[in-house]
Amino acid sequence: RNLLVISPDMGAMERAKYFAELLGVDVGVYYKRRDLS
């Protein structure tokens, strides 16, 4: 109950959305800001 599905990065978002769809809940995501240098 009172669930939320989270993707730890943008690459896993489709997988998280599928879990959220099965559970009938909302989904959130984290964006990993990286040091490209």
PDB file of all heavy atoms in Angstrom:
ATOM      1  N   ARG A   1       0.840  -1.198   0.000  1.00  0.00           N
ATOM      2  CA  ARG A   1       0.000   0.000   0.000  1.00  0.00           C
ATOM      3  C   ARG A   1       0.874   1.247   0.000  1.00  0.00           C
ATOM      4  O   ARG A   1       2.013   1.229   0.461  1.00  0.00           O
ATOM      5  CB  ARG A   1      -0.911  -0.008   1.225  1.00  0.00           C
ATOM      6  CG  ARG A   1      -1.973  -1.110   1.194  1.00  0.00           C
ATOM      7  CD  ARG A   1      -2.672  -1.233   2.516  1.00  0.00           C
ATOM      8  NE  ARG A   1      -1.750  -1.671   3.567  1.00  0.00           N
ATOM      9  CZ  ARG A   1      -2.112  -1.899   4.824  1.00  0.00           C
ATOM     10  NH1 ARG A   1      -3.371  -1.724   5.178  1.00  0.00           N
ATOM     11  NH2 ARG A   1      -1.225  -2.293   5.711  1.00  0.00           N
ATOM     12  N   ASN A   2       0.331   2.334  -0.527  1.00  0.00           N
ATOM     13  CA  ASN A   2       1.025   3.623  -0.534  1.00  0.00           C
ATOM     14  C   ASN A   2       2.396   3.514  -1.204  1.00  0.00           C
ATOM     15  O   ASN A   2       3.400   3.980  -0.684  1.00  0.00           O
ATOM     16  CB  ASN A   2       1.175   4.126   0.905  1.00  0.00           C
ATOM     17  CG  ASN A   2       1.364   5.632   0.973  1.00  0.00           C
ATOM     18  OD1 ASN A   2       0.951   6.359   0.068  1.00  0.00           O
ATOM     19  ND2 ASN A   2       2.001   6.101   2.030  1.00  0.00           N
ATOM     20  N   LEU A   3       2.400   2.893  -2.369  1.00  0.00           N
ATOM     21  CA  LEU A   3       3.648   2.592  -3.079  1.00  0.00           C
ATOM     22  C   LEU A   3       4.026   3.667  -4.090  1.00  0.00           C
ATOM     23  O   LEU A   3       3.175   4.365  -4.632  1.00  0.00           O
ATOM     24  CB  LEU A   3       3.517   1.272  -3.836  1.00  0.00           C
ATOM     25  CG  LEU A   3       3.967  -0.028  -3.180  1.00  0.00           C
ATOM     26  CD1 LEU A   3       3.746  -1.186  -4.154  1.00  0.00           C
ATOM     27  CD2 LEU A   3       5.427   0.015  -2.750  1.00  0.00           C
ATOM     28  N   LEU A   4       5.322   3.737  -4.365  1.00  0.00           N
ATOM     29  CA  LEU A   4       5.863   4.543  -5.453  1.00  0.00           C
ATOM     30  C   LEU A   4       7.048   3.781  -6.033  1.00  0.00           C
ATOM     31  O   LEU A   4       7.875   3.248  -5.285  1.00  0.00           O
ATOM     32  CB  LEU A   4       6.316   5.913  -4.938  1.00  0.00           C
ATOM     33  CG  LEU A   4       6.904   6.903  -5.950  1.00  0.00           C
ATOM     34  CD1 LEU A   4       5.854   7.338  -6.968  1.00  0.00           C
ATOM     35  CD2 LEU A   4       7.463   8.127  -5.223  1.00  0.00           C
ATOM     36  N   VAL A   5       7.120   3.687  -7.354  1.00  0.00           N
ATOM     37  CA  VAL A   5       8.249   3.018  -8.009  1.00  0.00           C
ATOM     38  C   VAL A   5       9.239   4.081  -8.485  1.00  0.00           C
ATOM     39  O   VAL A   5       8.840   5.098  -9.066  1.00  0.00           O
ATOM     40  CB  VAL A   5       7.779   2.159  -9.199  1.00  0.00           C
ATOM     41  CG1 VAL A   5       8.978   1.551  -9.926  1.00  0.00           C
ATOM     42  CG2 VAL A   5       6.844   1.056  -8.727  1.00  0.00           C
ATOM     43  N   ILE A   6      10.525   3.834  -8.229  1.00  0.00           N
ATOM     44  CA  ILE A   6      11.571   4.791  -8.584  1.00  0.00           C
ATOM     45  C   ILE A   6      12.593   4.128  -9.493  1.00  0.00           C
ATOM     46  O   ILE A   6      13.040   3.005  -9.229  1.00  0.00           O
ATOM     47  CB  ILE A   6      12.293   5.324  -7.326  1.00  0.00           C
ATOM     48  CG1 ILE A   6      11.318   6.091  -6.428  1.00  0.00           C
ATOM     49  CG2 ILE A   6      13.483   6.193  -7.708  1.00  0.00           C
ATOM     50  CD1 ILE A   6      10.874   7.415  -6.970  1.00  0.00           C
ATOM     51  N   SER A   7      12.972   4.834 -10.561  1.00  0.00           N
ATOM     52  CA  SER A   7      14.100   4.412 -11.391  1.00  0.00           C
ATOM     53  C   SER A   7      15.351   5.138 -10.898  1.00  0.00           C
ATOM     54  O   SER A   7      15.341   6.366 -10.765  1.00  0.00           O
ATOM     55  CB  SER A   7      13.839   4.748 -12.857  1.00  0.00           C
ATOM     56  OG  SER A   7      14.994   4.507 -13.636  1.00  0.00           O
ATOM     57  N   PRO A   8      16.456   4.421 -10.627  1.00  0.00           N
ATOM     58  CA  PRO A   8      17.661   5.075 -10.097  1.00  0.00           C
ATOM     59  C   PRO A   8      18.410   5.908 -11.131  1.00  0.00           C
ATOM     60  O   PRO A   8      19.309   6.674 -10.782  1.00  0.00           O
ATOM     61  CB  PRO A   8      18.517   3.904  -9.613  1.00  0.00           C
ATOM     62  CG  PRO A   8      18.096   2.765 -10.488  1.00  0.00           C
ATOM     63  CD  PRO A   8      16.632   2.957 -10.753  1.00  0.00           C
ATOM     64  N   ASP A   9      18.051   5.739 -12.417  1.00  0.00           N
ATOM     65  CA  ASP A   9      18.644   6.550 -13.483  1.00  0.00           C
ATOM     66  C   ASP A   9      17.720   6.532 -14.692  1.00  0.00           C
ATOM     67  O   ASP A   9      16.733   5.796 -14.727  1.00  0.00           O
ATOM     68  CB  ASP A   9      20.051   6.054 -13.851  1.00  0.00           C
ATOM     69  CG  ASP A   9      20.083   4.580 -14.224  1.00  0.00           C
ATOM     70  OD1 ASP A   9      19.175   4.136 -14.970  1.00  0.00           O
ATOM     71  OD2 ASP A   9      20.983   3.861 -13.771  1.00  0.00           O
ATOM     72  N   MET A  10      18.052   7.347 -15.681  1.00  0.00           N
ATOM     73  CA  MET A  10      17.180   7.465 -16.858  1.00  0.00           C
ATOM     74  C   MET A  10      17.137   6.162 -17.652  1.00  0.00           C
ATOM     75  O   MET A  10      16.127   5.830 -18.272  1.00  0.00           O
ATOM     76  CB  MET A  10      17.675   8.609 -17.757  1.00  0.00           C
ATOM     77  CG  MET A  10      17.743   9.969 -17.060  1.00  0.00           C
ATOM     78  SD  MET A  10      16.190  10.517 -16.335  1.00  0.00           S
ATOM     79  CE  MET A  10      15.265  10.938 -17.812  1.00  0.00           C
ATOM     80  N   GLY A  11      18.227   5.397 -17.633  1.00  0.00           N
ATOM     81  CA  GLY A  11      18.308   4.164 -18.410  1.00  0.00           C
ATOM     82  C   GLY A  11      17.359   3.079 -17.942  1.00  0.00           C
ATOM     83  O   GLY A  11      16.987   2.202 -18.721  1.00  0.00           O
ATOM     84  N   ALA A  12      16.965   3.115 -16.671  1.00  0.00           N
ATOM     85  CA  ALA A  12      16.085   2.073 -16.118  1.00  0.00           C
ATOM     86  C   ALA A  12      14.623   2.512 -16.089  1.00  0.00           C
ATOM     87  O   ALA A  12      13.775   1.824 -15.517  1.00  0.00           O
ATOM     88  CB  ALA A  12      16.547   1.704 -14.707  1.00  0.00           C
ATOM     89  N   MET A  13      14.317   3.642 -16.724  1.00  0.00           N
ATOM     90  CA  MET A  13      12.975   4.216 -16.621  1.00  0.00           C
ATOM     91  C   MET A  13      11.900   3.307 -17.221  1.00  0.00           C
ATOM     92  O   MET A  13      10.818   3.150 -16.644  1.00  0.00           O
ATOM     93  CB  MET A  13      12.948   5.586 -17.299  1.00  0.00           C
ATOM     94  CG  MET A  13      11.667   6.357 -17.074  1.00  0.00           C
ATOM     95  SD  MET A  13      11.316   6.617 -15.322  1.00  0.00           S
ATOM     96  CE  MET A  13       9.782   7.510 -15.411  1.00  0.00           C
ATOM     97  N   GLU A  14      12.156   2.697 -18.374  1.00  0.00           N
ATOM     98  CA  GLU A  14      11.156   1.826 -18.993  1.00  0.00           C
ATOM     99  C   GLU A  14      10.823   0.649 -18.091  1.00  0.00           C
ATOM    100  O   GLU A  14       9.666   0.245 -17.967  1.00  0.00           O
ATOM    101  CB  GLU A  14      11.653   1.330 -20.359  1.00  0.00           C
ATOM    102  CG  GLU A  14      11.568   2.353 -21.469  1.00  0.00           C
ATOM    103  CD  GLU A  14      10.139   2.834 -21.720  1.00  0.00           C
ATOM    104  OE1 GLU A  14       9.219   1.985 -21.747  1.00  0.00           O
ATOM    105  OE2 GLU A  14       9.943   4.053 -21.850  1.00  0.00           O
ATOM    106  N   ARG A  15      11.833   0.115 -17.441  1.00  0.00           N
ATOM    107  CA  ARG A  15      11.632  -1.019 -16.532  1.00  0.00           C
ATOM    108  C   ARG A  15      10.789  -0.577 -15.326  1.00  0.00           C
ATOM    109  O   ARG A  15       9.869  -1.280 -14.911  1.00  0.00           O
ATOM    110  CB  ARG A  15      13.002  -1.544 -16.086  1.00  0.00           C
ATOM    111  CG  ARG A  15      12.975  -2.806 -15.264  1.00  0.00           C
ATOM    112  CD  ARG A  15      14.382  -3.280 -14.954  1.00  0.00           C
ATOM    113  NE  ARG A  15      15.044  -3.780 -16.163  1.00  0.00           N
ATOM    114  CZ  ARG A  15      15.924  -3.088 -16.876  1.00  0.00           C
ATOM    115  NH1 ARG A  15      16.243  -1.862 -16.519  1.00  0.00           N
ATOM    116  NH2 ARG A  15      16.479  -3.605 -17.941  1.00  0.00           N
ATOM    117  N   ALA A  16      11.111   0.601 -14.777  1.00  0.00           N
ATOM    118  CA  ALA A  16      10.367   1.121 -13.636  1.00  0.00           C
ATOM    119  C   ALA A  16       8.912   1.407 -14.007  1.00  0.00           C
ATOM    120  O   ALA A  16       7.995   1.134 -13.225  1.00  0.00           O
ATOM    121  CB  ALA A  16      11.042   2.387 -13.108  1.00  0.00           C
ATOM    122  N   LYS A  17       8.695   1.932 -15.202  1.00  0.00           N
ATOM    123  CA  LYS A  17       7.336   2.218 -15.664  1.00  0.00           C
ATOM    124  C   LYS A  17       6.513   0.936 -15.760  1.00  0.00           C
ATOM    125  O   LYS A  17       5.318   0.927 -15.445  1.00  0.00           O
ATOM    126  CB  LYS A  17       7.378   2.923 -17.032  1.00  0.00           C
ATOM    127  CG  LYS A  17       7.743   4.391 -16.960  1.00  0.00           C
ATOM    128  CD  LYS A  17       8.040   4.980 -18.322  1.00  0.00           C
ATOM    129  CE  LYS A  17       6.839   4.913 -19.251  1.00  0.00           C
ATOM    130  NZ  LYS A  17       7.144   5.510 -20.574  1.00  0.00           N
ATOM    131  N   TYR A  18       7.155  -0.142 -16.180  1.00  0.00           N
ATOM    132  CA  TYR A  18       6.441  -1.417 -16.284  1.00  0.00           C
ATOM    133  C   TYR A  18       6.028  -1.917 -14.904  1.00  0.00           C
ATOM    134  O   TYR A  18       4.895  -2.367 -14.708  1.00  0.00           O
ATOM    135  CB  TYR A  18       7.309  -2.443 -16.991  1.00  0.00           C
ATOM    136  CG  TYR A  18       6.608  -3.763 -17.236  1.00  0.00           C
ATOM    137  CD1 TYR A  18       5.503  -3.826 -18.085  1.00  0.00           C
ATOM    138  CD2 TYR A  18       7.028  -4.923 -16.619  1.00  0.00           C
ATOM    139  CE1 TYR A  18       4.843  -5.019 -18.313  1.00  0.00           C
ATOM    140  CE2 TYR A  18       6.383  -6.132 -16.839  1.00  0.00           C
ATOM    141  CZ  TYR A  18       5.290  -6.172 -17.683  1.00  0.00           C
ATOM    142  OH  TYR A  18       4.629  -7.354 -17.892  1.00  0.00           O
ATOM    143  N   PHE A  19       6.933  -1.828 -13.920  1.00  0.00           N
ATOM    144  CA  PHE A  19       6.601  -2.218 -12.550  1.00  0.00           C
ATOM    145  C   PHE A  19       5.449  -1.360 -12.026  1.00  0.00           C
ATOM    146  O   PHE A  19       4.521  -1.865 -11.393  1.00  0.00           O
ATOM    147  CB  PHE A  19       7.828  -2.060 -11.643  1.00  0.00           C
ATOM    148  CG  PHE A  19       8.700  -3.275 -11.557  1.00  0.00           C
ATOM    149  CD1 PHE A  19       9.562  -3.611 -12.590  1.00  0.00           C
ATOM    150  CD2 PHE A  19       8.667  -4.094 -10.437  1.00  0.00           C
ATOM    151  CE1 PHE A  19      10.371  -4.734 -12.512  1.00  0.00           C
ATOM    152  CE2 PHE A  19       9.479  -5.215 -10.340  1.00  0.00           C
ATOM    153  CZ  PHE A  19      10.327  -5.541 -11.390  1.00  0.00           C
ATOM    154  N   ALA A  20       5.519  -0.053 -12.286  1.00  0.00           N
ATOM    155  CA  ALA A  20       4.489   0.863 -11.810  1.00  0.00           C
ATOM    156  C   ALA A  20       3.139   0.539 -12.441  1.00  0.00           C
ATOM    157  O   ALA A  20       2.093   0.589 -11.780  1.00  0.00           O
ATOM    158  CB  ALA A  20       4.895   2.307 -12.125  1.00  0.00           C
ATOM    159  N   GLU A  21       3.156   0.175 -13.723  1.00  0.00           N
ATOM    160  CA  GLU A  21       1.923  -0.182 -14.422  1.00  0.00           C
ATOM    161  C   GLU A  21       1.296  -1.428 -13.817  1.00  0.00           C
ATOM    162  O   GLU A  21       0.075  -1.498 -13.608  1.00  0.00           O
ATOM    163  CB  GLU A  21       2.219  -0.410 -15.903  1.00  0.00           C
ATOM    164  CG  GLU A  21       1.003  -0.808 -16.733  1.00  0.00           C
ATOM    165  CD  GLU A  21       1.352  -1.177 -18.153  1.00  0.00           C
ATOM    166  OE1 GLU A  21       2.503  -0.936 -18.575  1.00  0.00           O
ATOM    167  OE2 GLU A  21       0.484  -1.735 -18.840  1.00  0.00           O
ATOM    168  N   LEU A  22       2.117  -2.424 -13.516  1.00  0.00           N
ATOM    169  CA  LEU A  22       1.605  -3.657 -12.915  1.00  0.00           C
ATOM    170  C   LEU A  22       1.003  -3.401 -11.535  1.00  0.00           C
ATOM    171  O   LEU A  22       0.008  -4.014 -11.155  1.00  0.00           O
ATOM    172  CB  LEU A  22       2.720  -4.692 -12.799  1.00  0.00           C
ATOM    173  CG  LEU A  22       3.197  -5.360 -14.095  1.00  0.00           C
ATOM    174  CD1 LEU A  22       4.419  -6.217 -13.825  1.00  0.00           C
ATOM    175  CD2 LEU A  22       2.100  -6.198 -14.712  1.00  0.00           C
ATOM    176  N   LEU A  23       1.617  -2.481 -10.789  1.00  0.00           N
ATOM    177  CA  LEU A  23       1.177  -2.211  -9.432  1.00  0.00           C
ATOM    178  C   LEU A  23       0.126  -1.104  -9.354  1.00  0.00           C
ATOM    179  O   LEU A  23      -0.464  -0.872  -8.298  1.00  0.00           O
ATOM    180  CB  LEU A  23       2.388  -1.828  -8.565  1.00  0.00           C
ATOM    181  CG  LEU A  23       3.409  -2.955  -8.334  1.00  0.00           C
ATOM    182  CD1 LEU A  23       4.726  -2.391  -7.824  1.00  0.00           C
ATOM    183  CD2 LEU A  23       2.853  -3.984  -7.363  1.00  0.00           C
ATOM    184  N   GLY A  24      -0.071  -0.398 -10.477  1.00  0.00           N
ATOM    185  CA  GLY A  24      -1.061   0.676 -10.514  1.00  0.00           C
ATOM    186  C   GLY A  24      -0.668   1.875  -9.679  1.00  0.00           C
ATOM    187  O   GLY A  24      -1.508   2.473  -8.988  1.00  0.00           O
ATOM    188  N   VAL A  25       0.639   2.237  -9.738  1.00  0.00           N
ATOM    189  CA  VAL A  25       1.140   3.353  -8.924  1.00  0.00           C
ATOM    190  C   VAL A  25       1.931   4.326  -9.783  1.00  0.00           C
ATOM    191  O   VAL A  25       2.194   4.076 -10.962  1.00  0.00           O
ATOM    192  CB  VAL A  25       2.027   2.835  -7.768  1.00  0.00           C
ATOM    193  CG1 VAL A  25       1.233   1.895  -6.864  1.00  0.00           C
ATOM    194  CG2 VAL A  25       3.274   2.136  -8.291  1.00  0.00           C
ATOM    195  N   ASP A  26       2.335   5.448  -9.164  1.00  0.00           N
ATOM    196  CA  ASP A  26       3.110   6.471  -9.854  1.00  0.00           C
ATOM    197  C   ASP A  26       4.580   6.048  -9.938  1.00  0.00           C
ATOM    198  O   ASP A  26       5.020   5.125  -9.246  1.00  0.00           O
ATOM    199  CB  ASP A  26       2.980   7.800  -9.110  1.00  0.00           C
ATOM    200  CG  ASP A  26       3.374   8.996  -9.965  1.00  0.00           C
ATOM    201  OD1 ASP A  26       3.670   8.807 -11.172  1.00  0.00           O
ATOM    202  OD2 ASP A  26       3.388  10.124  -9.435  1.00  0.00           O
ATOM    203  N   VAL A  27       5.323   6.748 -10.796  1.00  0.00           N
ATOM    204  CA  VAL A  27       6.739   6.432 -10.989  1.00  0.00           C
ATOM    205  C   VAL A  27       7.565   7.713 -10.973  1.00  0.00           C
ATOM    206  O   VAL A  27       7.112   8.764 -11.441  1.00  0.00           O
ATOM    207  CB  VAL A  27       6.953   5.663 -12.324  1.00  0.00           C
ATOM    208  CG1 VAL A  27       6.565   6.502 -13.517  1.00  0.00           C
ATOM    209  CG2 VAL A  27       8.397   5.177 -12.467  1.00  0.00           C
ATOM    210  N   GLY A  28       8.759   7.643 -10.393  1.00  0.00           N
ATOM    211  CA  GLY A  28       9.702   8.753 -10.379  1.00  0.00           C
ATOM    212  C   GLY A  28      11.048   8.300 -10.893  1.00  0.00           C
ATOM    213  O   GLY A  28      11.279   7.099 -11.105  1.00  0.00           O
ATOM    214  N   VAL A  29      11.968   9.237 -11.078  1.00  0.00           N
ATOM    215  CA  VAL A  29      13.275   8.896 -11.654  1.00  0.00           C
ATOM    216  C   VAL A  29      14.354   9.815 -11.102  1.00  0.00           C
ATOM    217  O   VAL A  29      14.084  10.974 -10.755  1.00  0.00           O
ATOM    218  CB  VAL A  29      13.230   8.987 -13.203  1.00  0.00           C
ATOM    219  CG1 VAL A  29      12.934  10.411 -13.662  1.00  0.00           C
ATOM    220  CG2 VAL A  29      14.520   8.464 -13.832  1.00  0.00           C
ATOM    221  N   TYR A  30      15.554   9.271 -11.008  1.00  0.00           N
ATOM    222  CA  TYR A  30      16.725  10.073 -10.646  1.00  0.00           C
ATOM    223  C   TYR A  30      17.585  10.307 -11.887  1.00  0.00           C
ATOM    224  O   TYR A  30      17.772   9.399 -12.699  1.00  0.00           O
ATOM    225  CB  TYR A  30      17.564   9.372  -9.573  1.00  0.00           C
ATOM    226  CG  TYR A  30      17.082   9.630  -8.168  1.00  0.00           C
ATOM    227  CD1 TYR A  30      16.099   8.831  -7.599  1.00  0.00           C
ATOM    228  CD2 TYR A  30      17.594  10.677  -7.411  1.00  0.00           C
ATOM    229  CE1 TYR A  30      15.635   9.073  -6.318  1.00  0.00           C
ATOM    230  CE2 TYR A  30      17.150  10.922  -6.128  1.00  0.00           C
ATOM    231  CZ  TYR A  30      16.162  10.123  -5.587  1.00  0.00           C
ATOM    232  OH  TYR A  30      15.715  10.370  -4.325  1.00  0.00           O
ATOM    233  N   TYR A  31      18.067  11.524 -12.000  1.00  0.00           N
ATOM    234  CA  TYR A  31      19.014  11.862 -13.069  1.00  0.00           C
ATOM    235  C   TYR A  31      20.403  11.911 -12.452  1.00  0.00           C
ATOM    236  O   TYR A  31      20.644  12.637 -11.479  1.00  0.00           O
ATOM    237  CB  TYR A  31      18.657  13.213 -13.690  1.00  0.00           C
ATOM    238  CG  TYR A  31      19.738  13.766 -14.602  1.00  0.00           C
ATOM    239  CD1 TYR A  31      20.041  13.148 -15.812  1.00  0.00           C
ATOM    240  CD2 TYR A  31      20.461  14.907 -14.236  1.00  0.00           C
ATOM    241  CE1 TYR A  31      21.036  13.645 -16.628  1.00  0.00           C
ATOM    242  CE2 TYR A  31      21.458  15.409 -15.054  1.00  0.00           C
ATOM    243  CZ  TYR A  31      21.746  14.773 -16.248  1.00  0.00           C
ATOM    244  OH  TYR A  31      22.734  15.262 -17.050  1.00  0.00           O
ATOM    245  N   LYS A  32      21.302  11.106 -12.989  1.00  0.00           N
ATOM    246  CA  LYS A  32      22.680  11.086 -12.484  1.00  0.00           C
ATOM    247  C   LYS A  32      23.492  12.193 -13.157  1.00  0.00           C
ATOM    248  O   LYS A  32      23.774  12.121 -14.355  1.00  0.00           O
ATOM    249  CB  LYS A  32      23.341   9.732 -12.771  1.00  0.00           C
ATOM    250  CG  LYS A  32      22.770   8.568 -11.995  1.00  0.00           C
ATOM    251  CD  LYS A  32      23.487   7.276 -12.367  1.00  0.00           C
ATOM    252  CE  LYS A  32      22.937   6.078 -11.623  1.00  0.00           C
ATOM    253  NZ  LYS A  32      23.603   4.815 -12.023  1.00  0.00           N
ATOM    254  N   ARG A  33      23.834  13.220 -12.391  1.00  0.00           N
ATOM    255  CA  ARG A  33      24.693  14.273 -12.938  1.00  0.00           C
ATOM    256  C   ARG A  33      26.138  13.851 -12.740  1.00  0.00           C
ATOM    257  O   ARG A  33      26.588  13.638 -11.619  1.00  0.00           O
ATOM    258  CB  ARG A  33      24.420  15.610 -12.241  1.00  0.00           C
ATOM    259  CG  ARG A  33      25.074  16.797 -12.961  1.00  0.00           C
ATOM    260  CD  ARG A  33      24.438  18.103 -12.524  1.00  0.00           C
ATOM    261  NE  ARG A  33      24.801  18.465 -11.164  1.00  0.00           N
ATOM    262  CZ  ARG A  33      25.919  19.127 -10.848  1.00  0.00           C
ATOM    263  NH1 ARG A  33      26.777  19.498 -11.792  1.00  0.00           N
ATOM    264  NH2 ARG A  33      26.171  19.423  -9.592  1.00  0.00           N
ATOM    265  N   ARG A  34      26.853  13.694 -13.860  1.00  0.00           N
ATOM    266  CA  ARG A  34      28.208  13.145 -13.831  1.00  0.00           C
ATOM    267  C   ARG A  34      29.262  14.211 -14.157  1.00  0.00           C
ATOM    268  O   ARG A  34      28.978  15.189 -14.860  1.00  0.00           O
ATOM    269  CB  ARG A  34      28.353  11.982 -14.827  1.00  0.00           C
ATOM    270  CG  ARG A  34      27.477  10.775 -14.484  1.00  0.00           C
ATOM    271  CD  ARG A  34      27.673   9.662 -15.499  1.00  0.00           C
ATOM    272  NE  ARG A  34      26.875   8.473 -15.208  1.00  0.00           N
ATOM    273  CZ  ARG A  34      27.262   7.460 -14.443  1.00  0.00           C
ATOM    274  NH1 ARG A  34      28.457   7.504 -13.876  1.00  0.00           N
ATOM    275  NH2 ARG A  34      26.471   6.434 -14.241  1.00  0.00           N
ATOM    276  N   ASP A  35      30.455  13.970 -13.664  1.00  0.00           N
ATOM    277  CA  ASP A  35      31.611  14.806 -14.011  1.00  0.00           C
ATOM    278  C   ASP A  35      32.220  14.254 -15.291  1.00  0.00           C
ATOM    279  O   ASP A  35      32.946  13.256 -15.273  1.00  0.00           O
ATOM    280  CB  ASP A  35      32.632  14.787 -12.873  1.00  0.00           C
ATOM    281  CG  ASP A  35      33.811  15.727 -13.131  1.00  0.00           C
ATOM    282  OD1 ASP A  35      33.909  16.256 -14.268  1.00  0.00           O
ATOM    283  OD2 ASP A  35      34.619  15.930 -12.216  1.00  0.00           O
ATOM    284  N   LEU A  36      31.897  14.882 -16.407  1.00  0.00           N
ATOM    285  CA  LEU A  36      32.333  14.370 -17.708  1.00  0.00           C
ATOM    286  C   LEU A  36      33.810  14.633 -17.986  1.00  0.00           C
ATOM    287  O   LEU A  36      34.342  14.165 -18.991  1.00  0.00           O
ATOM    288  CB  LEU A  36      31.481  14.995 -18.817  1.00  0.00           C
ATOM    289  CG  LEU A  36      29.965  14.745 -18.701  1.00  0.00           C
ATOM    290  CD1 LEU A  36      29.227  15.410 -19.858  1.00  0.00           C
ATOM    291  CD2 LEU A  36      29.664  13.254 -18.670  1.00  0.00           C
ATOM    292  N   SER A  37      34.476  15.348 -17.088  1.00  0.00           N
ATOM    293  CA  SER A  37      35.907  15.640 -17.277  1.00  0.00           C
ATOM    294  C   SER A  37      36.803  14.553 -16.707  1.00  0.00           C
ATOM    295  O   SER A  37      38.010  14.565 -16.895  1.00  0.00           O
ATOM    296  CB  SER A  37      36.257  16.979 -16.630  1.00  0.00           C
ATOM    297  OG  SER A  37      36.138  16.910 -15.214  1.00  0.00           O
TER     298      SER A  37
END
